[in-house]
Amino acid sequence: MGQFSDIAAQEMYREPGVDLDLTEALSGGRSVFGGGRYETLVCPGAIDGIPVLTFTAPWSVNETEWNAPSASYIKVLGSGLLEAGAWDVETVARYLAACPGAAGHWTAREVADLVAG
């Protein structure tokens, strides 16, 4: 909880070192701390009884102006998806190339070259 709170606080441009109150997010699935881009906590469920928590923006995906991800970001995402073990390079590449922001900027072949390299 402390590590998650510190990372979330930093993304919220707040001083780390104080545990966030996760009660609302854990009980209701969502908690908004402010209007900033990472000030909304989401708990989509649990894995093996352990709550899964993340932070995001309070606005909808349809309200977002997309930027093309950098090569290094694509590589990090692709490596993580490969490490999970469910998909091969081609599946990861097709998925990432179709995501908002990447679509129209990255081809599946380009992504595969980055991820496999």
PDB file of N, CA and C in Angstrom:
ATOM      1  N   MET A   1       0.822  -1.184   0.000  1.00  0.00           N
ATOM      2  CA  MET A   1       0.000   0.000   0.000  1.00  0.00           C
ATOM      3  C   MET A   1       0.875   1.260   0.000  1.00  0.00           C
ATOM      4  N   GLY A   2       1.944   1.225   0.769  1.00  0.00           N
ATOM      5  CA  GLY A   2       2.832   2.380   0.830  1.00  0.00           C
ATOM      6  C   GLY A   2       3.474   2.686  -0.502  1.00  0.00           C
ATOM      7  N   GLN A   3       3.943   1.646  -1.185  1.00  0.00           N
ATOM      8  CA  GLN A   3       4.596   1.852  -2.481  1.00  0.00           C
ATOM      9  C   GLN A   3       3.599   2.386  -3.504  1.00  0.00           C
ATOM     10  N   PHE A   4       2.391   1.788  -3.544  1.00  0.00           N
ATOM     11  CA  PHE A   4       1.362   2.263  -4.470  1.00  0.00           C
ATOM     12  C   PHE A   4       1.024   3.725  -4.165  1.00  0.00           C
ATOM     13  N   SER A   5       0.839   4.046  -2.888  1.00  0.00           N
ATOM     14  CA  SER A   5       0.506   5.418  -2.493  1.00  0.00           C
ATOM     15  C   SER A   5       1.588   6.398  -2.909  1.00  0.00           C
ATOM     16  N   ASP A   6       2.853   6.014  -2.744  1.00  0.00           N
ATOM     17  CA  ASP A   6       3.952   6.899  -3.124  1.00  0.00           C
ATOM     18  C   ASP A   6       3.984   7.149  -4.628  1.00  0.00           C
ATOM     19  N   ILE A   7       3.818   6.091  -5.404  1.00  0.00           N
ATOM     20  CA  ILE A   7       3.830   6.244  -6.865  1.00  0.00           C
ATOM     21  C   ILE A   7       2.633   7.082  -7.319  1.00  0.00           C
ATOM     22  N   ALA A   8       1.450   6.787  -6.778  1.00  0.00           N
ATOM     23  CA  ALA A   8       0.258   7.549  -7.141  1.00  0.00           C
ATOM     24  C   ALA A   8       0.422   9.012  -6.750  1.00  0.00           C
ATOM     25  N   ALA A   9       0.936   9.276  -5.559  1.00  0.00           N
ATOM     26  CA  ALA A   9       1.134  10.659  -5.115  1.00  0.00           C
ATOM     27  C   ALA A   9       2.075  11.397  -6.062  1.00  0.00           C
ATOM     28  N   GLN A  10       3.145  10.759  -6.471  1.00  0.00           N
ATOM     29  CA  GLN A  10       4.079  11.399  -7.397  1.00  0.00           C
ATOM     30  C   GLN A  10       3.405  11.714  -8.721  1.00  0.00           C
ATOM     31  N   GLU A  11       2.596  10.793  -9.230  1.00  0.00           N
ATOM     32  CA  GLU A  11       1.877  11.031 -10.491  1.00  0.00           C
ATOM     33  C   GLU A  11       0.823  12.125 -10.345  1.00  0.00           C
ATOM     34  N   MET A  12       0.331  12.326  -9.115  1.00  0.00           N
ATOM     35  CA  MET A  12      -0.654  13.371  -8.832  1.00  0.00           C
ATOM     36  C   MET A  12       0.028  14.707  -8.497  1.00  0.00           C
ATOM     37  N   TYR A  13       1.360  14.740  -8.597  1.00  0.00           N
ATOM     38  CA  TYR A  13       2.153  15.920  -8.234  1.00  0.00           C
ATOM     39  C   TYR A  13       1.942  16.298  -6.770  1.00  0.00           C
ATOM     40  N   ARG A  14       1.845  15.273  -5.915  1.00  0.00           N
ATOM     41  CA  ARG A  14       1.713  15.472  -4.476  1.00  0.00           C
ATOM     42  C   ARG A  14       2.969  14.944  -3.793  1.00  0.00           C
ATOM     43  N   GLU A  15       3.142  15.315  -2.574  1.00  0.00           N
ATOM     44  CA  GLU A  15       4.289  14.859  -1.787  1.00  0.00           C
ATOM     45  C   GLU A  15       4.082  13.401  -1.380  1.00  0.00           C
ATOM     46  N   PRO A  16       4.989  12.491  -1.750  1.00  0.00           N
ATOM     47  CA  PRO A  16       4.852  11.093  -1.318  1.00  0.00           C
ATOM     48  C   PRO A  16       5.156  10.951   0.169  1.00  0.00           C
ATOM     49  N   GLY A  17       4.831   9.796   0.710  1.00  0.00           N
ATOM     50  CA  GLY A  17       5.150   9.520   2.105  1.00  0.00           C
ATOM     51  C   GLY A  17       3.939   9.326   2.989  1.00  0.00           C
ATOM     52  N   VAL A  18       2.751   9.607   2.468  1.00  0.00           N
ATOM     53  CA  VAL A  18       1.519   9.415   3.228  1.00  0.00           C
ATOM     54  C   VAL A  18       0.647   8.433   2.457  1.00  0.00           C
ATOM     55  N   ASP A  19       0.179   7.394   3.138  1.00  0.00           N
ATOM     56  CA  ASP A  19      -0.689   6.418   2.470  1.00  0.00           C
ATOM     57  C   ASP A  19      -2.014   7.058   2.073  1.00  0.00           C
ATOM     58  N   LEU A  20      -2.434   6.807   0.845  1.00  0.00           N
ATOM     59  CA  LEU A  20      -3.730   7.291   0.373  1.00  0.00           C
ATOM     60  C   LEU A  20      -4.844   6.501   1.044  1.00  0.00           C
ATOM     61  N   ASP A  21      -5.990   7.133   1.202  1.00  0.00           N
ATOM     62  CA  ASP A  21      -7.165   6.435   1.717  1.00  0.00           C
ATOM     63  C   ASP A  21      -7.779   5.674   0.539  1.00  0.00           C
ATOM     64  N   LEU A  22      -7.626   4.363   0.543  1.00  0.00           N
ATOM     65  CA  LEU A  22      -8.093   3.524  -0.560  1.00  0.00           C
ATOM     66  C   LEU A  22      -9.489   2.956  -0.319  1.00  0.00           C
ATOM     67  N   THR A  23     -10.134   3.332   0.772  1.00  0.00           N
ATOM     68  CA  THR A  23     -11.421   2.762   1.160  1.00  0.00           C
ATOM     69  C   THR A  23     -12.459   2.852   0.047  1.00  0.00           C
ATOM     70  N   GLU A  24     -12.655   4.046  -0.507  1.00  0.00           N
ATOM     71  CA  GLU A  24     -13.669   4.248  -1.536  1.00  0.00           C
ATOM     72  C   GLU A  24     -13.349   3.445  -2.800  1.00  0.00           C
ATOM     73  N   ALA A  25     -12.090   3.444  -3.219  1.00  0.00           N
ATOM     74  CA  ALA A  25     -11.697   2.697  -4.421  1.00  0.00           C
ATOM     75  C   ALA A  25     -11.881   1.196  -4.213  1.00  0.00           C
ATOM     76  N   LEU A  26     -11.523   0.703  -3.033  1.00  0.00           N
ATOM     77  CA  LEU A  26     -11.638  -0.733  -2.774  1.00  0.00           C
ATOM     78  C   LEU A  26     -13.080  -1.178  -2.602  1.00  0.00           C
ATOM     79  N   SER A  27     -13.916  -0.332  -2.021  1.00  0.00           N
ATOM     80  CA  SER A  27     -15.308  -0.731  -1.792  1.00  0.00           C
ATOM     81  C   SER A  27     -16.220  -0.412  -2.969  1.00  0.00           C
ATOM     82  N   GLY A  28     -15.945   0.687  -3.678  1.00  0.00           N
ATOM     83  CA  GLY A  28     -16.819   1.101  -4.770  1.00  0.00           C
ATOM     84  C   GLY A  28     -16.222   0.992  -6.151  1.00  0.00           C
ATOM     85  N   GLY A  29     -14.952   0.643  -6.230  1.00  0.00           N
ATOM     86  CA  GLY A  29     -14.304   0.465  -7.522  1.00  0.00           C
ATOM     87  C   GLY A  29     -13.640   1.700  -8.082  1.00  0.00           C
ATOM     88  N   ARG A  30     -13.902   2.865  -7.468  1.00  0.00           N
ATOM     89  CA  ARG A  30     -13.366   4.114  -8.025  1.00  0.00           C
ATOM     90  C   ARG A  30     -13.309   5.184  -6.940  1.00  0.00           C
ATOM     91  N   SER A  31     -12.295   6.026  -7.010  1.00  0.00           N
ATOM     92  CA  SER A  31     -12.164   7.141  -6.078  1.00  0.00           C
ATOM     93  C   SER A  31     -11.459   8.272  -6.804  1.00  0.00           C
ATOM     94  N   VAL A  32     -12.043   9.468  -6.760  1.00  0.00           N
ATOM     95  CA  VAL A  32     -11.464  10.628  -7.439  1.00  0.00           C
ATOM     96  C   VAL A  32     -10.868  11.563  -6.395  1.00  0.00           C
ATOM     97  N   PHE A  33      -9.567  11.816  -6.519  1.00  0.00           N
ATOM     98  CA  PHE A  33      -8.865  12.694  -5.589  1.00  0.00           C
ATOM     99  C   PHE A  33      -8.768  14.113  -6.121  1.00  0.00           C
ATOM    100  N   GLY A  34      -8.998  14.294  -7.412  1.00  0.00           N
ATOM    101  CA  GLY A  34      -8.915  15.612  -8.032  1.00  0.00           C
ATOM    102  C   GLY A  34      -9.126  15.493  -9.524  1.00  0.00           C
ATOM    103  N   GLY A  35      -8.945  16.589 -10.238  1.00  0.00           N
ATOM    104  CA  GLY A  35      -9.203  16.605 -11.673  1.00  0.00           C
ATOM    105  C   GLY A  35      -7.990  16.360 -12.539  1.00  0.00           C
ATOM    106  N   GLY A  36      -6.842  16.106 -11.924  1.00  0.00           N
ATOM    107  CA  GLY A  36      -5.618  15.892 -12.689  1.00  0.00           C
ATOM    108  C   GLY A  36      -5.617  14.575 -13.442  1.00  0.00           C
ATOM    109  N   ARG A  37      -4.614  14.411 -14.285  1.00  0.00           N
ATOM    110  CA  ARG A  37      -4.606  13.259 -15.177  1.00  0.00           C
ATOM    111  C   ARG A  37      -4.432  11.920 -14.479  1.00  0.00           C
ATOM    112  N   TYR A  38      -3.894  11.850 -13.299  1.00  0.00           N
ATOM    113  CA  TYR A  38      -3.752  10.570 -12.601  1.00  0.00           C
ATOM    114  C   TYR A  38      -4.354  10.626 -11.200  1.00  0.00           C
ATOM    115  N   GLU A  39      -5.396  11.412 -11.013  1.00  0.00           N
ATOM    116  CA  GLU A  39      -5.982  11.579  -9.690  1.00  0.00           C
ATOM    117  C   GLU A  39      -7.239  10.750  -9.470  1.00  0.00           C
ATOM    118  N   THR A  40      -7.472   9.769 -10.312  1.00  0.00           N
ATOM    119  CA  THR A  40      -8.599   8.859 -10.142  1.00  0.00           C
ATOM    120  C   THR A  40      -8.051   7.457  -9.928  1.00  0.00           C
ATOM    121  N   LEU A  41      -8.413   6.848  -8.808  1.00  0.00           N
ATOM    122  CA  LEU A  41      -8.005   5.468  -8.520  1.00  0.00           C
ATOM    123  C   LEU A  41      -9.122   4.532  -8.965  1.00  0.00           C
ATOM    124  N   VAL A  42      -8.742   3.408  -9.538  1.00  0.00           N
ATOM    125  CA  VAL A  42      -9.704   2.412 -10.004  1.00  0.00           C
ATOM    126  C   VAL A  42      -9.302   1.049  -9.464  1.00  0.00           C
ATOM    127  N   CYS A  43     -10.293   0.328  -8.958  1.00  0.00           N
ATOM    128  CA  CYS A  43     -10.091  -1.050  -8.515  1.00  0.00           C
ATOM    129  C   CYS A  43     -11.044  -1.923  -9.333  1.00  0.00           C
ATOM    130  N   PRO A  44     -10.556  -2.530 -10.425  1.00  0.00           N
ATOM    131  CA  PRO A  44     -11.428  -3.328 -11.291  1.00  0.00           C
ATOM    132  C   PRO A  44     -11.767  -4.701 -10.727  1.00  0.00           C
ATOM    133  N   GLY A  45     -11.163  -5.089  -9.621  1.00  0.00           N
ATOM    134  CA  GLY A  45     -11.429  -6.403  -9.037  1.00  0.00           C
ATOM    135  C   GLY A  45     -10.234  -6.885  -8.245  1.00  0.00           C
ATOM    136  N   ALA A  46     -10.146  -8.200  -8.136  1.00  0.00           N
ATOM    137  CA  ALA A  46      -9.060  -8.807  -7.369  1.00  0.00           C
ATOM    138  C   ALA A  46      -8.525 -10.025  -8.110  1.00  0.00           C
ATOM    139  N   ILE A  47      -7.289 -10.342  -7.848  1.00  0.00           N
ATOM    140  CA  ILE A  47      -6.671 -11.558  -8.361  1.00  0.00           C
ATOM    141  C   ILE A  47      -6.200 -12.353  -7.157  1.00  0.00           C
ATOM    142  N   ASP A  48      -6.698 -13.577  -7.062  1.00  0.00           N
ATOM    143  CA  ASP A  48      -6.364 -14.436  -5.917  1.00  0.00           C
ATOM    144  C   ASP A  48      -6.638 -13.734  -4.588  1.00  0.00           C
ATOM    145  N   GLY A  49      -7.729 -12.958  -4.554  1.00  0.00           N
ATOM    146  CA  GLY A  49      -8.129 -12.279  -3.329  1.00  0.00           C
ATOM    147  C   GLY A  49      -7.384 -10.994  -3.031  1.00  0.00           C
ATOM    148  N   ILE A  50      -6.452 -10.607  -3.900  1.00  0.00           N
ATOM    149  CA  ILE A  50      -5.678  -9.384  -3.694  1.00  0.00           C
ATOM    150  C   ILE A  50      -6.229  -8.307  -4.632  1.00  0.00           C
ATOM    151  N   PRO A  51      -6.638  -7.150  -4.076  1.00  0.00           N
ATOM    152  CA  PRO A  51      -7.197  -6.094  -4.929  1.00  0.00           C
ATOM    153  C   PRO A  51      -6.194  -5.599  -5.973  1.00  0.00           C
ATOM    154  N   VAL A  52      -6.712  -5.320  -7.151  1.00  0.00           N
ATOM    155  CA  VAL A  52      -5.930  -4.732  -8.232  1.00  0.00           C
ATOM    156  C   VAL A  52      -6.269  -3.250  -8.254  1.00  0.00           C
ATOM    157  N   LEU A  53      -5.267  -2.403  -8.156  1.00  0.00           N
ATOM    158  CA  LEU A  53      -5.471  -0.953  -8.153  1.00  0.00           C
ATOM    159  C   LEU A  53      -4.635  -0.296  -9.231  1.00  0.00           C
ATOM    160  N   THR A  54      -5.182   0.743  -9.822  1.00  0.00           N
ATOM    161  CA  THR A  54      -4.439   1.553 -10.767  1.00  0.00           C
ATOM    162  C   THR A  54      -4.930   2.982 -10.648  1.00  0.00           C
ATOM    163  N   PHE A  55      -4.259   3.899 -11.328  1.00  0.00           N
ATOM    164  CA  PHE A  55      -4.718   5.285 -11.345  1.00  0.00           C
ATOM    165  C   PHE A  55      -4.813   5.736 -12.788  1.00  0.00           C
ATOM    166  N   THR A  56      -5.726   6.664 -13.020  1.00  0.00           N
ATOM    167  CA  THR A  56      -5.993   7.123 -14.368  1.00  0.00           C
ATOM    168  C   THR A  56      -6.557   8.529 -14.314  1.00  0.00           C
ATOM    169  N   ALA A  57      -6.936   9.048 -15.452  1.00  0.00           N
ATOM    170  CA  ALA A  57      -7.553  10.370 -15.531  1.00  0.00           C
ATOM    171  C   ALA A  57      -9.063  10.244 -15.326  1.00  0.00           C
ATOM    172  N   PRO A  58      -9.707  11.308 -14.849  1.00  0.00           N
ATOM    173  CA  PRO A  58     -11.146  11.251 -14.628  1.00  0.00           C
ATOM    174  C   PRO A  58     -11.962  11.390 -15.909  1.00  0.00           C
ATOM    175  N   TRP A  59     -11.321  11.811 -16.995  1.00  0.00           N
ATOM    176  CA  TRP A  59     -12.071  11.999 -18.232  1.00  0.00           C
ATOM    177  C   TRP A  59     -12.148  10.707 -19.026  1.00  0.00           C
ATOM    178  N   SER A  60     -13.053  10.675 -19.968  1.00  0.00           N
ATOM    179  CA  SER A  60     -13.297   9.491 -20.800  1.00  0.00           C
ATOM    180  C   SER A  60     -12.252   9.368 -21.895  1.00  0.00           C
ATOM    181  N   VAL A  61     -12.057   8.157 -22.365  1.00  0.00           N
ATOM    182  CA  VAL A  61     -11.120   7.900 -23.453  1.00  0.00           C
ATOM    183  C   VAL A  61     -11.514   8.688 -24.709  1.00  0.00           C
ATOM    184  N   ASN A  62     -12.795   8.951 -24.883  1.00  0.00           N
ATOM    185  CA  ASN A  62     -13.268   9.700 -26.050  1.00  0.00           C
ATOM    186  C   ASN A  62     -12.958  11.192 -25.963  1.00  0.00           C
ATOM    187  N   GLU A  63     -12.538  11.660 -24.798  1.00  0.00           N
ATOM    188  CA  GLU A  63     -12.208  13.066 -24.602  1.00  0.00           C
ATOM    189  C   GLU A  63     -10.701  13.323 -24.675  1.00  0.00           C
ATOM    190  N   THR A  64      -9.952  12.323 -25.083  1.00  0.00           N
ATOM    191  CA  THR A  64      -8.498  12.393 -25.071  1.00  0.00           C
ATOM    192  C   THR A  64      -7.939  12.748 -26.441  1.00  0.00           C
ATOM    193  N   GLU A  65      -6.974  13.656 -26.472  1.00  0.00           N
ATOM    194  CA  GLU A  65      -6.231  13.930 -27.696  1.00  0.00           C
ATOM    195  C   GLU A  65      -5.043  12.976 -27.705  1.00  0.00           C
ATOM    196  N   TRP A  66      -4.981  12.100 -28.685  1.00  0.00           N
ATOM    197  CA  TRP A  66      -3.976  11.045 -28.707  1.00  0.00           C
ATOM    198  C   TRP A  66      -2.668  11.526 -29.299  1.00  0.00           C
ATOM    199  N   ASN A  67      -1.584  11.060 -28.713  1.00  0.00           N
ATOM    200  CA  ASN A  67      -0.234  11.285 -29.234  1.00  0.00           C
ATOM    201  C   ASN A  67       0.358   9.925 -29.580  1.00  0.00           C
ATOM    202  N   ALA A  68       1.126   9.894 -30.633  1.00  0.00           N
ATOM    203  CA  ALA A  68       1.794   8.646 -31.013  1.00  0.00           C
ATOM    204  C   ALA A  68       2.821   8.269 -29.942  1.00  0.00           C
ATOM    205  N   PRO A  69       2.817   7.020 -29.489  1.00  0.00           N
ATOM    206  CA  PRO A  69       3.807   6.595 -28.493  1.00  0.00           C
ATOM    207  C   PRO A  69       5.202   6.504 -29.114  1.00  0.00           C
ATOM    208  N   SER A  70       6.206   6.744 -28.288  1.00  0.00           N
ATOM    209  CA  SER A  70       7.587   6.658 -28.754  1.00  0.00           C
ATOM    210  C   SER A  70       7.986   5.197 -28.952  1.00  0.00           C
ATOM    211  N   ALA A  71       9.061   4.990 -29.654  1.00  0.00           N
ATOM    212  CA  ALA A  71       9.580   3.640 -29.875  1.00  0.00           C
ATOM    213  C   ALA A  71       9.919   2.964 -28.545  1.00  0.00           C
ATOM    214  N   SER A  72      10.525   3.709 -27.632  1.00  0.00           N
ATOM    215  CA  SER A  72      10.897   3.101 -26.348  1.00  0.00           C
ATOM    216  C   SER A  72       9.661   2.699 -25.546  1.00  0.00           C
ATOM    217  N   TYR A  73       8.588   3.482 -25.627  1.00  0.00           N
ATOM    218  CA  TYR A  73       7.348   3.151 -24.913  1.00  0.00           C
ATOM    219  C   TYR A  73       6.709   1.899 -25.520  1.00  0.00           C
ATOM    220  N   ILE A  74       6.659   1.842 -26.854  1.00  0.00           N
ATOM    221  CA  ILE A  74       6.128   0.656 -27.536  1.00  0.00           C
ATOM    222  C   ILE A  74       6.918  -0.579 -27.116  1.00  0.00           C
ATOM    223  N   LYS A  75       8.231  -0.452 -27.058  1.00  0.00           N
ATOM    224  CA  LYS A  75       9.081  -1.589 -26.696  1.00  0.00           C
ATOM    225  C   LYS A  75       8.810  -2.050 -25.266  1.00  0.00           C
ATOM    226  N   VAL A  76       8.652  -1.120 -24.334  1.00  0.00           N
ATOM    227  CA  VAL A  76       8.357  -1.479 -22.943  1.00  0.00           C
ATOM    228  C   VAL A  76       7.002  -2.189 -22.847  1.00  0.00           C
ATOM    229  N   LEU A  77       5.987  -1.626 -23.491  1.00  0.00           N
ATOM    230  CA  LEU A  77       4.658  -2.258 -23.462  1.00  0.00           C
ATOM    231  C   LEU A  77       4.710  -3.656 -24.087  1.00  0.00           C
ATOM    232  N   GLY A  78       5.341  -3.743 -25.246  1.00  0.00           N
ATOM    233  CA  GLY A  78       5.435  -5.031 -25.929  1.00  0.00           C
ATOM    234  C   GLY A  78       6.192  -6.066 -25.126  1.00  0.00           C
ATOM    235  N   SER A  79       7.282  -5.658 -24.517  1.00  0.00           N
ATOM    236  CA  SER A  79       8.064  -6.585 -23.689  1.00  0.00           C
ATOM    237  C   SER A  79       7.244  -7.111 -22.517  1.00  0.00           C
ATOM    238  N   GLY A  80       6.485  -6.225 -21.893  1.00  0.00           N
ATOM    239  CA  GLY A  80       5.638  -6.639 -20.781  1.00  0.00           C
ATOM    240  C   GLY A  80       4.553  -7.614 -21.211  1.00  0.00           C
ATOM    241  N   LEU A  81       3.937  -7.342 -22.349  1.00  0.00           N
ATOM    242  CA  LEU A  81       2.906  -8.258 -22.858  1.00  0.00           C
ATOM    243  C   LEU A  81       3.503  -9.609 -23.227  1.00  0.00           C
ATOM    244  N   LEU A  82       4.684  -9.602 -23.812  1.00  0.00           N
ATOM    245  CA  LEU A  82       5.354 -10.870 -24.132  1.00  0.00           C
ATOM    246  C   LEU A  82       5.712 -11.641 -22.866  1.00  0.00           C
ATOM    247  N   GLU A  83       6.197 -10.935 -21.883  1.00  0.00           N
ATOM    248  CA  GLU A  83       6.595 -11.570 -20.630  1.00  0.00           C
ATOM    249  C   GLU A  83       5.420 -12.236 -19.931  1.00  0.00           C
ATOM    250  N   ALA A  84       4.219 -11.701 -20.132  1.00  0.00           N
ATOM    251  CA  ALA A  84       3.026 -12.310 -19.529  1.00  0.00           C
ATOM    252  C   ALA A  84       2.792 -13.714 -20.078  1.00  0.00           C
ATOM    253  N   GLY A  85       3.288 -13.976 -21.294  1.00  0.00           N
ATOM    254  CA  GLY A  85       3.297 -15.321 -21.831  1.00  0.00           C
ATOM    255  C   GLY A  85       2.059 -15.777 -22.587  1.00  0.00           C
ATOM    256  N   ALA A  86       1.063 -14.938 -22.705  1.00  0.00           N
ATOM    257  CA  ALA A  86      -0.165 -15.366 -23.388  1.00  0.00           C
ATOM    258  C   ALA A  86      -0.113 -15.135 -24.897  1.00  0.00           C
ATOM    259  N   TRP A  87       0.698 -14.176 -25.349  1.00  0.00           N
ATOM    260  CA  TRP A  87       0.747 -13.812 -26.756  1.00  0.00           C
ATOM    261  C   TRP A  87       2.155 -13.941 -27.311  1.00  0.00           C
ATOM    262  N   ASP A  88       2.218 -14.208 -28.629  1.00  0.00           N
ATOM    263  CA  ASP A  88       3.507 -14.205 -29.316  1.00  0.00           C
ATOM    264  C   ASP A  88       3.779 -12.800 -29.867  1.00  0.00           C
ATOM    265  N   VAL A  89       4.936 -12.620 -30.473  1.00  0.00           N
ATOM    266  CA  VAL A  89       5.347 -11.298 -30.961  1.00  0.00           C
ATOM    267  C   VAL A  89       4.339 -10.725 -31.956  1.00  0.00           C
ATOM    268  N   GLU A  90       3.867 -11.537 -32.872  1.00  0.00           N
ATOM    269  CA  GLU A  90       2.947 -11.034 -33.898  1.00  0.00           C
ATOM    270  C   GLU A  90       1.623 -10.572 -33.293  1.00  0.00           C
ATOM    271  N   THR A  91       1.116 -11.310 -32.311  1.00  0.00           N
ATOM    272  CA  THR A  91      -0.146 -10.934 -31.664  1.00  0.00           C
ATOM    273  C   THR A  91       0.032  -9.636 -30.889  1.00  0.00           C
ATOM    274  N   VAL A  92       1.121  -9.518 -30.156  1.00  0.00           N
ATOM    275  CA  VAL A  92       1.424  -8.288 -29.417  1.00  0.00           C
ATOM    276  C   VAL A  92       1.539  -7.122 -30.393  1.00  0.00           C
ATOM    277  N   ALA A  93       2.227  -7.321 -31.489  1.00  0.00           N
ATOM    278  CA  ALA A  93       2.439  -6.256 -32.475  1.00  0.00           C
ATOM    279  C   ALA A  93       1.122  -5.797 -33.091  1.00  0.00           C
ATOM    280  N   ARG A  94       0.268  -6.736 -33.459  1.00  0.00           N
ATOM    281  CA  ARG A  94      -1.028  -6.369 -34.028  1.00  0.00           C
ATOM    282  C   ARG A  94      -1.869  -5.594 -33.012  1.00  0.00           C
ATOM    283  N   TYR A  95      -1.853  -6.063 -31.762  1.00  0.00           N
ATOM    284  CA  TYR A  95      -2.619  -5.401 -30.712  1.00  0.00           C
ATOM    285  C   TYR A  95      -2.138  -3.965 -30.498  1.00  0.00           C
ATOM    286  N   LEU A  96      -0.831  -3.786 -30.295  1.00  0.00           N
ATOM    287  CA  LEU A  96      -0.302  -2.453 -30.014  1.00  0.00           C
ATOM    288  C   LEU A  96      -0.472  -1.508 -31.198  1.00  0.00           C
ATOM    289  N   ALA A  97      -0.284  -1.992 -32.409  1.00  0.00           N
ATOM    290  CA  ALA A  97      -0.417  -1.141 -33.595  1.00  0.00           C
ATOM    291  C   ALA A  97      -1.852  -0.665 -33.793  1.00  0.00           C
ATOM    292  N   ALA A  98      -2.817  -1.380 -33.228  1.00  0.00           N
ATOM    293  CA  ALA A  98      -4.227  -1.004 -33.367  1.00  0.00           C
ATOM    294  C   ALA A  98      -4.732  -0.113 -32.234  1.00  0.00           C
ATOM    295  N   CYS A  99      -3.937   0.078 -31.198  1.00  0.00           N
ATOM    296  CA  CYS A  99      -4.371   0.876 -30.044  1.00  0.00           C
ATOM    297  C   CYS A  99      -4.432   2.358 -30.397  1.00  0.00           C
ATOM    298  N   PRO A 100      -5.353   3.096 -29.739  1.00  0.00           N
ATOM    299  CA  PRO A 100      -5.407   4.544 -29.969  1.00  0.00           C
ATOM    300  C   PRO A 100      -4.041   5.173 -29.717  1.00  0.00           C
ATOM    301  N   GLY A 101      -3.702   6.114 -30.557  1.00  0.00           N
ATOM    302  CA  GLY A 101      -2.390   6.754 -30.470  1.00  0.00           C
ATOM    303  C   GLY A 101      -1.391   6.093 -31.398  1.00  0.00           C
ATOM    304  N   ALA A 102      -1.302   4.774 -31.319  1.00  0.00           N
ATOM    305  CA  ALA A 102      -0.380   4.035 -32.187  1.00  0.00           C
ATOM    306  C   ALA A 102      -0.989   3.814 -33.568  1.00  0.00           C
ATOM    307  N   ALA A 103      -2.286   3.583 -33.609  1.00  0.00           N
ATOM    308  CA  ALA A 103      -2.967   3.321 -34.890  1.00  0.00           C
ATOM    309  C   ALA A 103      -2.743   4.489 -35.847  1.00  0.00           C
ATOM    310  N   GLY A 104      -2.279   4.162 -37.029  1.00  0.00           N
ATOM    311  CA  GLY A 104      -1.992   5.186 -38.023  1.00  0.00           C
ATOM    312  C   GLY A 104      -0.577   5.743 -37.934  1.00  0.00           C
ATOM    313  N   HIS A 105       0.123   5.419 -36.846  1.00  0.00           N
ATOM    314  CA  HIS A 105       1.499   5.887 -36.670  1.00  0.00           C
ATOM    315  C   HIS A 105       2.502   4.733 -36.657  1.00  0.00           C
ATOM    316  N   TRP A 106       2.067   3.595 -36.175  1.00  0.00           N
ATOM    317  CA  TRP A 106       2.912   2.403 -36.093  1.00  0.00           C
ATOM    318  C   TRP A 106       2.230   1.254 -36.817  1.00  0.00           C
ATOM    319  N   THR A 107       2.991   0.533 -37.640  1.00  0.00           N
ATOM    320  CA  THR A 107       2.453  -0.675 -38.271  1.00  0.00           C
ATOM    321  C   THR A 107       2.775  -1.868 -37.376  1.00  0.00           C
ATOM    322  N   ALA A 108       2.053  -2.940 -37.570  1.00  0.00           N
ATOM    323  CA  ALA A 108       2.328  -4.155 -36.804  1.00  0.00           C
ATOM    324  C   ALA A 108       3.758  -4.640 -37.060  1.00  0.00           C
ATOM    325  N   ARG A 109       4.248  -4.508 -38.284  1.00  0.00           N
ATOM    326  CA  ARG A 109       5.613  -4.927 -38.608  1.00  0.00           C
ATOM    327  C   ARG A 109       6.636  -4.099 -37.844  1.00  0.00           C
ATOM    328  N   GLU A 110       6.431  -2.781 -37.805  1.00  0.00           N
ATOM    329  CA  GLU A 110       7.337  -1.904 -37.066  1.00  0.00           C
ATOM    330  C   GLU A 110       7.360  -2.247 -35.573  1.00  0.00           C
ATOM    331  N   VAL A 111       6.175  -2.493 -35.030  1.00  0.00           N
ATOM    332  CA  VAL A 111       6.082  -2.845 -33.619  1.00  0.00           C
ATOM    333  C   VAL A 111       6.758  -4.189 -33.368  1.00  0.00           C
ATOM    334  N   ALA A 112       6.525  -5.158 -34.248  1.00  0.00           N
ATOM    335  CA  ALA A 112       7.153  -6.476 -34.088  1.00  0.00           C
ATOM    336  C   ALA A 112       8.673  -6.350 -34.110  1.00  0.00           C
ATOM    337  N   ASP A 113       9.204  -5.521 -35.004  1.00  0.00           N
ATOM    338  CA  ASP A 113      10.660  -5.324 -35.074  1.00  0.00           C
ATOM    339  C   ASP A 113      11.198  -4.741 -33.777  1.00  0.00           C
ATOM    340  N   LEU A 114      10.472  -3.790 -33.199  1.00  0.00           N
ATOM    341  CA  LEU A 114      10.891  -3.194 -31.931  1.00  0.00           C
ATOM    342  C   LEU A 114      10.853  -4.198 -30.790  1.00  0.00           C
ATOM    343  N   VAL A 115       9.758  -4.929 -30.716  1.00  0.00           N
ATOM    344  CA  VAL A 115       9.538  -5.854 -29.595  1.00  0.00           C
ATOM    345  C   VAL A 115      10.491  -7.060 -29.685  1.00  0.00           C
ATOM    346  N   ALA A 116      10.698  -7.558 -30.886  1.00  0.00           N
ATOM    347  CA  ALA A 116      11.552  -8.735 -31.065  1.00  0.00           C
ATOM    348  C   ALA A 116      13.033  -8.386 -30.968  1.00  0.00           C
ATOM    349  N   GLY A 117      13.352  -7.118 -31.220  1.00  0.00           N
ATOM    350  CA  GLY A 117      14.755  -6.699 -31.255  1.00  0.00           C
ATOM    351  C   GLY A 117      15.270  -6.479 -29.914  1.00  0.00           C
TER     352      GLY A 117
END
